[in-house]
Amino acid sequence: MSEYIVKVGFWLRAYDTLTIDAASDAEAIEAAKAAAAVAMESTAYPDHIDTDERREGVIAFIDRCNGKGREAVIEDVEFDDGRIHGPPAA
C-alpha cells in the first residue's frame, strides 16, 4: 500500500469592521466601497473568520510518497458542488 499526501483548498467567509466618515448616505456608500477594497487587499487578520461553512473545495494536488520523495499524481480535482462563484469553467 502506498502513502499519499493530499492538499485541500477551500473558501472561508471572513468579516472585518471598518469606520468611515461621510457627509451623506451616498458618500458613505462610496467611502465604504473604497475602504472595503483596501481591507480586502490587506494581509492583516480580519475580525472574524467563519469556519462553520467551508465552501468551494478543491483538491489542490495528490502526491504519491515513495523511497525517493514525492511524485505528482494529479492536481486541481473538484470534489464538491458547494460553489459560491457559480459553476466552474469548462
PDB file of N, CA and C in Angstrom:
ATOM      1  N   MET A   1       0.845  -1.172   0.000  1.00  0.00           N
ATOM      2  CA  MET A   1       0.000   0.000   0.000  1.00  0.00           C
ATOM      3  C   MET A   1       0.893   1.238   0.000  1.00  0.00           C
ATOM      4  N   SER A   2       0.548   2.235  -0.800  1.00  0.00           N
ATOM      5  CA  SER A   2       1.323   3.471  -0.899  1.00  0.00           C
ATOM      6  C   SER A   2       0.738   4.553  -0.006  1.00  0.00           C
ATOM      7  N   GLU A   3       1.588   5.491   0.373  1.00  0.00           N
ATOM      8  CA  GLU A   3       1.150   6.657   1.137  1.00  0.00           C
ATOM      9  C   GLU A   3       1.019   7.835   0.181  1.00  0.00           C
ATOM     10  N   TYR A   4      -0.020   8.656   0.385  1.00  0.00           N
ATOM     11  CA  TYR A   4      -0.267   9.809  -0.464  1.00  0.00           C
ATOM     12  C   TYR A   4      -0.439  11.051   0.397  1.00  0.00           C
ATOM     13  N   ILE A   5      -0.030  12.178  -0.124  1.00  0.00           N
ATOM     14  CA  ILE A   5      -0.267  13.470   0.515  1.00  0.00           C
ATOM     15  C   ILE A   5      -1.317  14.185  -0.307  1.00  0.00           C
ATOM     16  N   VAL A   6      -2.389  14.641   0.353  1.00  0.00           N
ATOM     17  CA  VAL A   6      -3.497  15.322  -0.316  1.00  0.00           C
ATOM     18  C   VAL A   6      -3.600  16.731   0.250  1.00  0.00           C
ATOM     19  N   LYS A   7      -3.507  17.746  -0.601  1.00  0.00           N
ATOM     20  CA  LYS A   7      -3.654  19.149  -0.188  1.00  0.00           C
ATOM     21  C   LYS A   7      -5.022  19.633  -0.639  1.00  0.00           C
ATOM     22  N   VAL A   8      -5.862  20.086   0.322  1.00  0.00           N
ATOM     23  CA  VAL A   8      -7.217  20.541   0.033  1.00  0.00           C
ATOM     24  C   VAL A   8      -7.288  22.054   0.217  1.00  0.00           C
ATOM     25  N   GLY A   9      -7.895  22.735  -0.747  1.00  0.00           N
ATOM     26  CA  GLY A   9      -8.120  24.171  -0.650  1.00  0.00           C
ATOM     27  C   GLY A   9      -9.606  24.454  -0.577  1.00  0.00           C
ATOM     28  N   PHE A  10     -10.001  25.512   0.171  1.00  0.00           N
ATOM     29  CA  PHE A  10     -11.413  25.867   0.274  1.00  0.00           C
ATOM     30  C   PHE A  10     -11.528  27.324   0.681  1.00  0.00           C
ATOM     31  N   TRP A  11     -12.723  27.873   0.496  1.00  0.00           N
ATOM     32  CA  TRP A  11     -13.026  29.260   0.854  1.00  0.00           C
ATOM     33  C   TRP A  11     -13.659  29.311   2.233  1.00  0.00           C
ATOM     34  N   LEU A  12     -13.321  30.330   2.975  1.00  0.00           N
ATOM     35  CA  LEU A  12     -13.987  30.643   4.238  1.00  0.00           C
ATOM     36  C   LEU A  12     -14.525  32.066   4.153  1.00  0.00           C
ATOM     37  N   ARG A  13     -15.623  32.340   4.817  1.00  0.00           N
ATOM     38  CA  ARG A  13     -16.115  33.716   4.902  1.00  0.00           C
ATOM     39  C   ARG A  13     -15.337  34.427   6.011  1.00  0.00           C
ATOM     40  N   ALA A  14     -14.953  35.657   5.740  1.00  0.00           N
ATOM     41  CA  ALA A  14     -14.251  36.469   6.729  1.00  0.00           C
ATOM     42  C   ALA A  14     -14.961  37.817   6.841  1.00  0.00           C
ATOM     43  N   TYR A  15     -14.926  38.387   8.037  1.00  0.00           N
ATOM     44  CA  TYR A  15     -15.608  39.654   8.282  1.00  0.00           C
ATOM     45  C   TYR A  15     -14.647  40.619   8.969  1.00  0.00           C
ATOM     46  N   ASP A  16     -14.676  41.875   8.554  1.00  0.00           N
ATOM     47  CA  ASP A  16     -13.910  42.946   9.173  1.00  0.00           C
ATOM     48  C   ASP A  16     -14.848  44.105   9.469  1.00  0.00           C
ATOM     49  N   THR A  17     -14.493  44.939  10.424  1.00  0.00           N
ATOM     50  CA  THR A  17     -15.285  46.117  10.755  1.00  0.00           C
ATOM     51  C   THR A  17     -14.456  47.350  10.442  1.00  0.00           C
ATOM     52  N   LEU A  18     -15.043  48.275   9.712  1.00  0.00           N
ATOM     53  CA  LEU A  18     -14.360  49.496   9.312  1.00  0.00           C
ATOM     54  C   LEU A  18     -15.155  50.693   9.814  1.00  0.00           C
ATOM     55  N   THR A  19     -14.484  51.796  10.084  1.00  0.00           N
ATOM     56  CA  THR A  19     -15.147  53.035  10.459  1.00  0.00           C
ATOM     57  C   THR A  19     -14.809  54.079   9.406  1.00  0.00           C
ATOM     58  N   ILE A  20     -15.838  54.754   8.890  1.00  0.00           N
ATOM     59  CA  ILE A  20     -15.639  55.804   7.888  1.00  0.00           C
ATOM     60  C   ILE A  20     -16.402  57.040   8.318  1.00  0.00           C
ATOM     61  N   ASP A  21     -16.043  58.189   7.772  1.00  0.00           N
ATOM     62  CA  ASP A  21     -16.767  59.443   7.971  1.00  0.00           C
ATOM     63  C   ASP A  21     -17.314  59.876   6.629  1.00  0.00           C
ATOM     64  N   ALA A  22     -18.551  60.380   6.626  1.00  0.00           N
ATOM     65  CA  ALA A  22     -19.168  60.841   5.377  1.00  0.00           C
ATOM     66  C   ALA A  22     -20.211  61.900   5.694  1.00  0.00           C
ATOM     67  N   ALA A  23     -20.454  62.766   4.718  1.00  0.00           N
ATOM     68  CA  ALA A  23     -21.425  63.846   4.876  1.00  0.00           C
ATOM     69  C   ALA A  23     -22.839  63.426   4.481  1.00  0.00           C
ATOM     70  N   SER A  24     -22.977  62.316   3.763  1.00  0.00           N
ATOM     71  CA  SER A  24     -24.299  61.864   3.332  1.00  0.00           C
ATOM     72  C   SER A  24     -24.293  60.340   3.183  1.00  0.00           C
ATOM     73  N   ASP A  25     -25.474  59.764   3.028  1.00  0.00           N
ATOM     74  CA  ASP A  25     -25.575  58.319   2.822  1.00  0.00           C
ATOM     75  C   ASP A  25     -24.863  57.900   1.536  1.00  0.00           C
ATOM     76  N   ALA A  26     -25.061  58.672   0.482  1.00  0.00           N
ATOM     77  CA  ALA A  26     -24.425  58.344  -0.801  1.00  0.00           C
ATOM     78  C   ALA A  26     -22.902  58.389  -0.681  1.00  0.00           C
ATOM     79  N   GLU A  27     -22.409  59.399   0.019  1.00  0.00           N
ATOM     80  CA  GLU A  27     -20.959  59.499   0.234  1.00  0.00           C
ATOM     81  C   GLU A  27     -20.460  58.335   1.101  1.00  0.00           C
ATOM     82  N   ALA A  28     -21.264  57.928   2.079  1.00  0.00           N
ATOM     83  CA  ALA A  28     -20.889  56.805   2.944  1.00  0.00           C
ATOM     84  C   ALA A  28     -20.774  55.520   2.138  1.00  0.00           C
ATOM     85  N   ILE A  29     -21.692  55.320   1.190  1.00  0.00           N
ATOM     86  CA  ILE A  29     -21.641  54.122   0.356  1.00  0.00           C
ATOM     87  C   ILE A  29     -20.361  54.101  -0.467  1.00  0.00           C
ATOM     88  N   GLU A  30     -20.007  55.219  -1.074  1.00  0.00           N
ATOM     89  CA  GLU A  30     -18.784  55.284  -1.885  1.00  0.00           C
ATOM     90  C   GLU A  30     -17.539  55.132  -1.023  1.00  0.00           C
ATOM     91  N   ALA A  31     -17.519  55.763   0.159  1.00  0.00           N
ATOM     92  CA  ALA A  31     -16.367  55.649   1.062  1.00  0.00           C
ATOM     93  C   ALA A  31     -16.246  54.213   1.578  1.00  0.00           C
ATOM     94  N   ALA A  32     -17.384  53.556   1.839  1.00  0.00           N
ATOM     95  CA  ALA A  32     -17.364  52.169   2.308  1.00  0.00           C
ATOM     96  C   ALA A  32     -16.789  51.247   1.239  1.00  0.00           C
ATOM     97  N   LYS A  33     -17.164  51.469  -0.009  1.00  0.00           N
ATOM     98  CA  LYS A  33     -16.621  50.659  -1.108  1.00  0.00           C
ATOM     99  C   LYS A  33     -15.105  50.807  -1.185  1.00  0.00           C
ATOM    100  N   ALA A  34     -14.607  52.024  -1.079  1.00  0.00           N
ATOM    101  CA  ALA A  34     -13.157  52.261  -1.138  1.00  0.00           C
ATOM    102  C   ALA A  34     -12.450  51.625   0.056  1.00  0.00           C
ATOM    103  N   ALA A  35     -13.021  51.780   1.250  1.00  0.00           N
ATOM    104  CA  ALA A  35     -12.411  51.204   2.455  1.00  0.00           C
ATOM    105  C   ALA A  35     -12.439  49.677   2.397  1.00  0.00           C
ATOM    106  N   ALA A  36     -13.528  49.106   1.867  1.00  0.00           N
ATOM    107  CA  ALA A  36     -13.639  47.653   1.758  1.00  0.00           C
ATOM    108  C   ALA A  36     -12.587  47.101   0.799  1.00  0.00           C
ATOM    109  N   ALA A  37     -12.348  47.799  -0.299  1.00  0.00           N
ATOM    110  CA  ALA A  37     -11.326  47.350  -1.252  1.00  0.00           C
ATOM    111  C   ALA A  37      -9.950  47.327  -0.599  1.00  0.00           C
ATOM    112  N   VAL A  38      -9.639  48.341   0.191  1.00  0.00           N
ATOM    113  CA  VAL A  38      -8.354  48.385   0.901  1.00  0.00           C
ATOM    114  C   VAL A  38      -8.277  47.249   1.925  1.00  0.00           C
ATOM    115  N   ALA A  39      -9.370  47.019   2.659  1.00  0.00           N
ATOM    116  CA  ALA A  39      -9.390  45.958   3.676  1.00  0.00           C
ATOM    117  C   ALA A  39      -9.189  44.581   3.039  1.00  0.00           C
ATOM    118  N   MET A  40      -9.788  44.356   1.875  1.00  0.00           N
ATOM    119  CA  MET A  40      -9.661  43.053   1.223  1.00  0.00           C
ATOM    120  C   MET A  40      -8.246  42.796   0.713  1.00  0.00           C
ATOM    121  N   GLU A  41      -7.507  43.853   0.406  1.00  0.00           N
ATOM    122  CA  GLU A  41      -6.128  43.697  -0.058  1.00  0.00           C
ATOM    123  C   GLU A  41      -5.147  43.545   1.101  1.00  0.00           C
ATOM    124  N   SER A  42      -5.598  43.811   2.306  1.00  0.00           N
ATOM    125  CA  SER A  42      -4.744  43.756   3.483  1.00  0.00           C
ATOM    126  C   SER A  42      -4.337  42.320   3.799  1.00  0.00           C
ATOM    127  N   THR A  43      -3.150  42.153   4.345  1.00  0.00           N
ATOM    128  CA  THR A  43      -2.700  40.830   4.796  1.00  0.00           C
ATOM    129  C   THR A  43      -2.930  40.640   6.298  1.00  0.00           C
ATOM    130  N   ALA A  44      -3.527  41.655   6.952  1.00  0.00           N
ATOM    131  CA  ALA A  44      -3.847  41.541   8.380  1.00  0.00           C
ATOM    132  C   ALA A  44      -5.021  40.591   8.570  1.00  0.00           C
ATOM    133  N   TYR A  45      -5.106  39.965   9.736  1.00  0.00           N
ATOM    134  CA  TYR A  45      -6.213  39.066  10.025  1.00  0.00           C
ATOM    135  C   TYR A  45      -7.508  39.858  10.185  1.00  0.00           C
ATOM    136  N   PRO A  46      -8.608  39.357   9.648  1.00  0.00           N
ATOM    137  CA  PRO A  46      -9.889  40.037   9.812  1.00  0.00           C
ATOM    138  C   PRO A  46     -10.422  39.853  11.232  1.00  0.00           C
ATOM    139  N   ASP A  47     -11.504  40.576  11.548  1.00  0.00           N
ATOM    140  CA  ASP A  47     -12.140  40.455  12.870  1.00  0.00           C
ATOM    141  C   ASP A  47     -12.603  39.027  13.144  1.00  0.00           C
ATOM    142  N   HIS A  48     -13.186  38.398  12.135  1.00  0.00           N
ATOM    143  CA  HIS A  48     -13.792  37.084  12.343  1.00  0.00           C
ATOM    144  C   HIS A  48     -13.656  36.241  11.080  1.00  0.00           C
ATOM    145  N   ILE A  49     -13.349  34.970  11.260  1.00  0.00           N
ATOM    146  CA  ILE A  49     -13.337  34.002  10.162  1.00  0.00           C
ATOM    147  C   ILE A  49     -14.337  32.919  10.516  1.00  0.00           C
ATOM    148  N   ASP A  50     -15.323  32.706   9.646  1.00  0.00           N
ATOM    149  CA  ASP A  50     -16.370  31.721   9.876  1.00  0.00           C
ATOM    150  C   ASP A  50     -15.892  30.359   9.398  1.00  0.00           C
ATOM    151  N   THR A  51     -15.533  29.503  10.330  1.00  0.00           N
ATOM    152  CA  THR A  51     -15.028  28.175   9.975  1.00  0.00           C
ATOM    153  C   THR A  51     -16.140  27.131   9.903  1.00  0.00           C
ATOM    154  N   ASP A  52     -17.386  27.534  10.197  1.00  0.00           N
ATOM    155  CA  ASP A  52     -18.501  26.589  10.159  1.00  0.00           C
ATOM    156  C   ASP A  52     -18.902  26.199   8.744  1.00  0.00           C
ATOM    157  N   GLU A  53     -18.711  27.092   7.782  1.00  0.00           N
ATOM    158  CA  GLU A  53     -19.172  26.849   6.413  1.00  0.00           C
ATOM    159  C   GLU A  53     -18.007  26.929   5.437  1.00  0.00           C
ATOM    160  N   ARG A  54     -17.259  25.864   5.313  1.00  0.00           N
ATOM    161  CA  ARG A  54     -16.194  25.793   4.318  1.00  0.00           C
ATOM    162  C   ARG A  54     -16.857  25.530   2.976  1.00  0.00           C
ATOM    163  N   ARG A  55     -16.474  26.289   1.950  1.00  0.00           N
ATOM    164  CA  ARG A  55     -17.165  26.213   0.672  1.00  0.00           C
ATOM    165  C   ARG A  55     -16.190  26.130  -0.477  1.00  0.00           C
ATOM    166  N   GLU A  56     -16.680  25.676  -1.591  1.00  0.00           N
ATOM    167  CA  GLU A  56     -15.972  25.617  -2.873  1.00  0.00           C
ATOM    168  C   GLU A  56     -14.613  24.939  -2.723  1.00  0.00           C
ATOM    169  N   GLY A  57     -14.662  23.702  -2.292  1.00  0.00           N
ATOM    170  CA  GLY A  57     -13.430  22.950  -2.079  1.00  0.00           C
ATOM    171  C   GLY A  57     -12.845  22.412  -3.370  1.00  0.00           C
ATOM    172  N   VAL A  58     -11.542  22.282  -3.354  1.00  0.00           N
ATOM    173  CA  VAL A  58     -10.811  21.677  -4.467  1.00  0.00           C
ATOM    174  C   VAL A  58      -9.626  20.921  -3.877  1.00  0.00           C
ATOM    175  N   ILE A  59      -9.310  19.785  -4.463  1.00  0.00           N
ATOM    176  CA  ILE A  59      -8.084  19.086  -4.074  1.00  0.00           C
ATOM    177  C   ILE A  59      -6.981  19.715  -4.907  1.00  0.00           C
ATOM    178  N   ALA A  60      -6.101  20.467  -4.256  1.00  0.00           N
ATOM    179  CA  ALA A  60      -5.037  21.174  -4.970  1.00  0.00           C
ATOM    180  C   ALA A  60      -4.080  20.193  -5.635  1.00  0.00           C
ATOM    181  N   PHE A  61      -3.731  19.137  -4.915  1.00  0.00           N
ATOM    182  CA  PHE A  61      -2.877  18.114  -5.511  1.00  0.00           C
ATOM    183  C   PHE A  61      -2.914  16.835  -4.698  1.00  0.00           C
ATOM    184  N   ILE A  62      -2.558  15.744  -5.340  1.00  0.00           N
ATOM    185  CA  ILE A  62      -2.313  14.454  -4.677  1.00  0.00           C
ATOM    186  C   ILE A  62      -0.940  13.995  -5.129  1.00  0.00           C
ATOM    187  N   ASP A  63      -0.054  13.771  -4.177  1.00  0.00           N
ATOM    188  CA  ASP A  63       1.297  13.282  -4.448  1.00  0.00           C
ATOM    189  C   ASP A  63       1.462  11.891  -3.839  1.00  0.00           C
ATOM    190  N   ARG A  64       2.134  11.005  -4.554  1.00  0.00           N
ATOM    191  CA  ARG A  64       2.467   9.674  -4.043  1.00  0.00           C
ATOM    192  C   ARG A  64       3.846   9.764  -3.387  1.00  0.00           C
ATOM    193  N   CYS A  65       3.963   9.236  -2.186  1.00  0.00           N
ATOM    194  CA  CYS A  65       5.243   9.193  -1.489  1.00  0.00           C
ATOM    195  C   CYS A  65       5.935   7.880  -1.827  1.00  0.00           C
ATOM    196  N   ASN A  66       7.203   7.979  -2.198  1.00  0.00           N
ATOM    197  CA  ASN A  66       7.984   6.763  -2.453  1.00  0.00           C
ATOM    198  C   ASN A  66       9.354   6.917  -1.800  1.00  0.00           C
ATOM    199  N   GLY A  67      10.217   5.969  -1.956  1.00  0.00           N
ATOM    200  CA  GLY A  67      11.529   5.982  -1.318  1.00  0.00           C
ATOM    201  C   GLY A  67      12.411   7.147  -1.738  1.00  0.00           C
ATOM    202  N   LYS A  68      12.136   7.755  -2.869  1.00  0.00           N
ATOM    203  CA  LYS A  68      12.955   8.866  -3.380  1.00  0.00           C
ATOM    204  C   LYS A  68      12.319  10.228  -3.151  1.00  0.00           C
ATOM    205  N   GLY A  69      11.160  10.284  -2.547  1.00  0.00           N
ATOM    206  CA  GLY A  69      10.488  11.563  -2.325  1.00  0.00           C
ATOM    207  C   GLY A  69       9.026  11.483  -2.701  1.00  0.00           C
ATOM    208  N   ARG A  70       8.522  12.552  -3.339  1.00  0.00           N
ATOM    209  CA  ARG A  70       7.123  12.626  -3.731  1.00  0.00           C
ATOM    210  C   ARG A  70       7.007  12.691  -5.241  1.00  0.00           C
ATOM    211  N   GLU A  71       5.958  12.052  -5.755  1.00  0.00           N
ATOM    212  CA  GLU A  71       5.689  12.052  -7.186  1.00  0.00           C
ATOM    213  C   GLU A  71       4.258  12.538  -7.404  1.00  0.00           C
ATOM    214  N   ALA A  72       4.080  13.571  -8.240  1.00  0.00           N
ATOM    215  CA  ALA A  72       2.755  14.125  -8.501  1.00  0.00           C
ATOM    216  C   ALA A  72       1.860  13.092  -9.175  1.00  0.00           C
ATOM    217  N   VAL A  73       0.620  12.974  -8.672  1.00  0.00           N
ATOM    218  CA  VAL A  73      -0.368  12.076  -9.254  1.00  0.00           C
ATOM    219  C   VAL A  73      -1.373  12.891 -10.070  1.00  0.00           C
ATOM    220  N   ILE A  74      -1.930  13.957  -9.462  1.00  0.00           N
ATOM    221  CA  ILE A  74      -2.928  14.791 -10.117  1.00  0.00           C
ATOM    222  C   ILE A  74      -3.017  16.130  -9.397  1.00  0.00           C
ATOM    223  N   GLU A  75      -3.507  17.166 -10.085  1.00  0.00           N
ATOM    224  CA  GLU A  75      -3.712  18.486  -9.496  1.00  0.00           C
ATOM    225  C   GLU A  75      -5.105  19.002  -9.842  1.00  0.00           C
ATOM    226  N   ASP A  76      -5.614  19.906  -9.022  1.00  0.00           N
ATOM    227  CA  ASP A  76      -6.842  20.650  -9.278  1.00  0.00           C
ATOM    228  C   ASP A  76      -8.041  19.730  -9.548  1.00  0.00           C
ATOM    229  N   VAL A  77      -8.436  18.964  -8.527  1.00  0.00           N
ATOM    230  CA  VAL A  77      -9.523  17.999  -8.653  1.00  0.00           C
ATOM    231  C   VAL A  77     -10.753  18.514  -7.900  1.00  0.00           C
ATOM    232  N   GLU A  78     -11.864  18.745  -8.608  1.00  0.00           N
ATOM    233  CA  GLU A  78     -13.107  19.135  -7.956  1.00  0.00           C
ATOM    234  C   GLU A  78     -13.722  17.912  -7.286  1.00  0.00           C
ATOM    235  N   PHE A  79     -14.306  18.130  -6.098  1.00  0.00           N
ATOM    236  CA  PHE A  79     -14.930  17.013  -5.399  1.00  0.00           C
ATOM    237  C   PHE A  79     -16.236  17.379  -4.721  1.00  0.00           C
ATOM    238  N   ASP A  80     -16.629  18.658  -4.745  1.00  0.00           N
ATOM    239  CA  ASP A  80     -17.889  19.041  -4.117  1.00  0.00           C
ATOM    240  C   ASP A  80     -18.677  19.943  -5.052  1.00  0.00           C
ATOM    241  N   ASP A  81     -19.938  20.211  -4.673  1.00  0.00           N
ATOM    242  CA  ASP A  81     -20.751  21.078  -5.509  1.00  0.00           C
ATOM    243  C   ASP A  81     -21.204  22.331  -4.760  1.00  0.00           C
ATOM    244  N   GLY A  82     -20.533  22.657  -3.663  1.00  0.00           N
ATOM    245  CA  GLY A  82     -20.865  23.853  -2.886  1.00  0.00           C
ATOM    246  C   GLY A  82     -20.216  25.090  -3.471  1.00  0.00           C
ATOM    247  N   ARG A  83     -20.616  25.444  -4.692  1.00  0.00           N
ATOM    248  CA  ARG A  83     -19.982  26.551  -5.410  1.00  0.00           C
ATOM    249  C   ARG A  83     -20.513  27.887  -4.929  1.00  0.00           C
ATOM    250  N   ILE A  84     -19.648  28.837  -4.616  1.00  0.00           N
ATOM    251  CA  ILE A  84     -20.070  30.183  -4.261  1.00  0.00           C
ATOM    252  C   ILE A  84     -19.820  31.160  -5.401  1.00  0.00           C
ATOM    253  N   HIS A  85     -19.106  30.747  -6.398  1.00  0.00           N
ATOM    254  CA  HIS A  85     -18.808  31.618  -7.545  1.00  0.00           C
ATOM    255  C   HIS A  85     -19.434  31.089  -8.832  1.00  0.00           C
ATOM    256  N   GLY A  86     -20.501  30.314  -8.732  1.00  0.00           N
ATOM    257  CA  GLY A  86     -21.135  29.764  -9.921  1.00  0.00           C
ATOM    258  C   GLY A  86     -20.444  28.508 -10.381  1.00  0.00           C
ATOM    259  N   PRO A  87     -20.924  27.911 -11.463  1.00  0.00           N
ATOM    260  CA  PRO A  87     -20.336  26.673 -11.946  1.00  0.00           C
ATOM    261  C   PRO A  87     -18.911  26.904 -12.446  1.00  0.00           C
ATOM    262  N   PRO A  88     -18.035  25.907 -12.280  1.00  0.00           N
ATOM    263  CA  PRO A  88     -16.653  26.051 -12.750  1.00  0.00           C
ATOM    264  C   PRO A  88     -16.607  26.160 -14.267  1.00  0.00           C
ATOM    265  N   ALA A  89     -15.600  26.853 -14.766  1.00  0.00           N
ATOM    266  CA  ALA A  89     -15.411  26.997 -16.210  1.00  0.00           C
ATOM    267  C   ALA A  89     -15.083  25.634 -16.814  1.00  0.00           C
ATOM    268  N   ALA A  90     -15.578  25.408 -17.994  1.00  0.00           N
ATOM    269  CA  ALA A  90     -15.338  24.122 -18.667  1.00  0.00           C
ATOM    270  C   ALA A  90     -13.922  24.020 -19.180  1.00  0.00           C
TER     271      ALA A  90
END
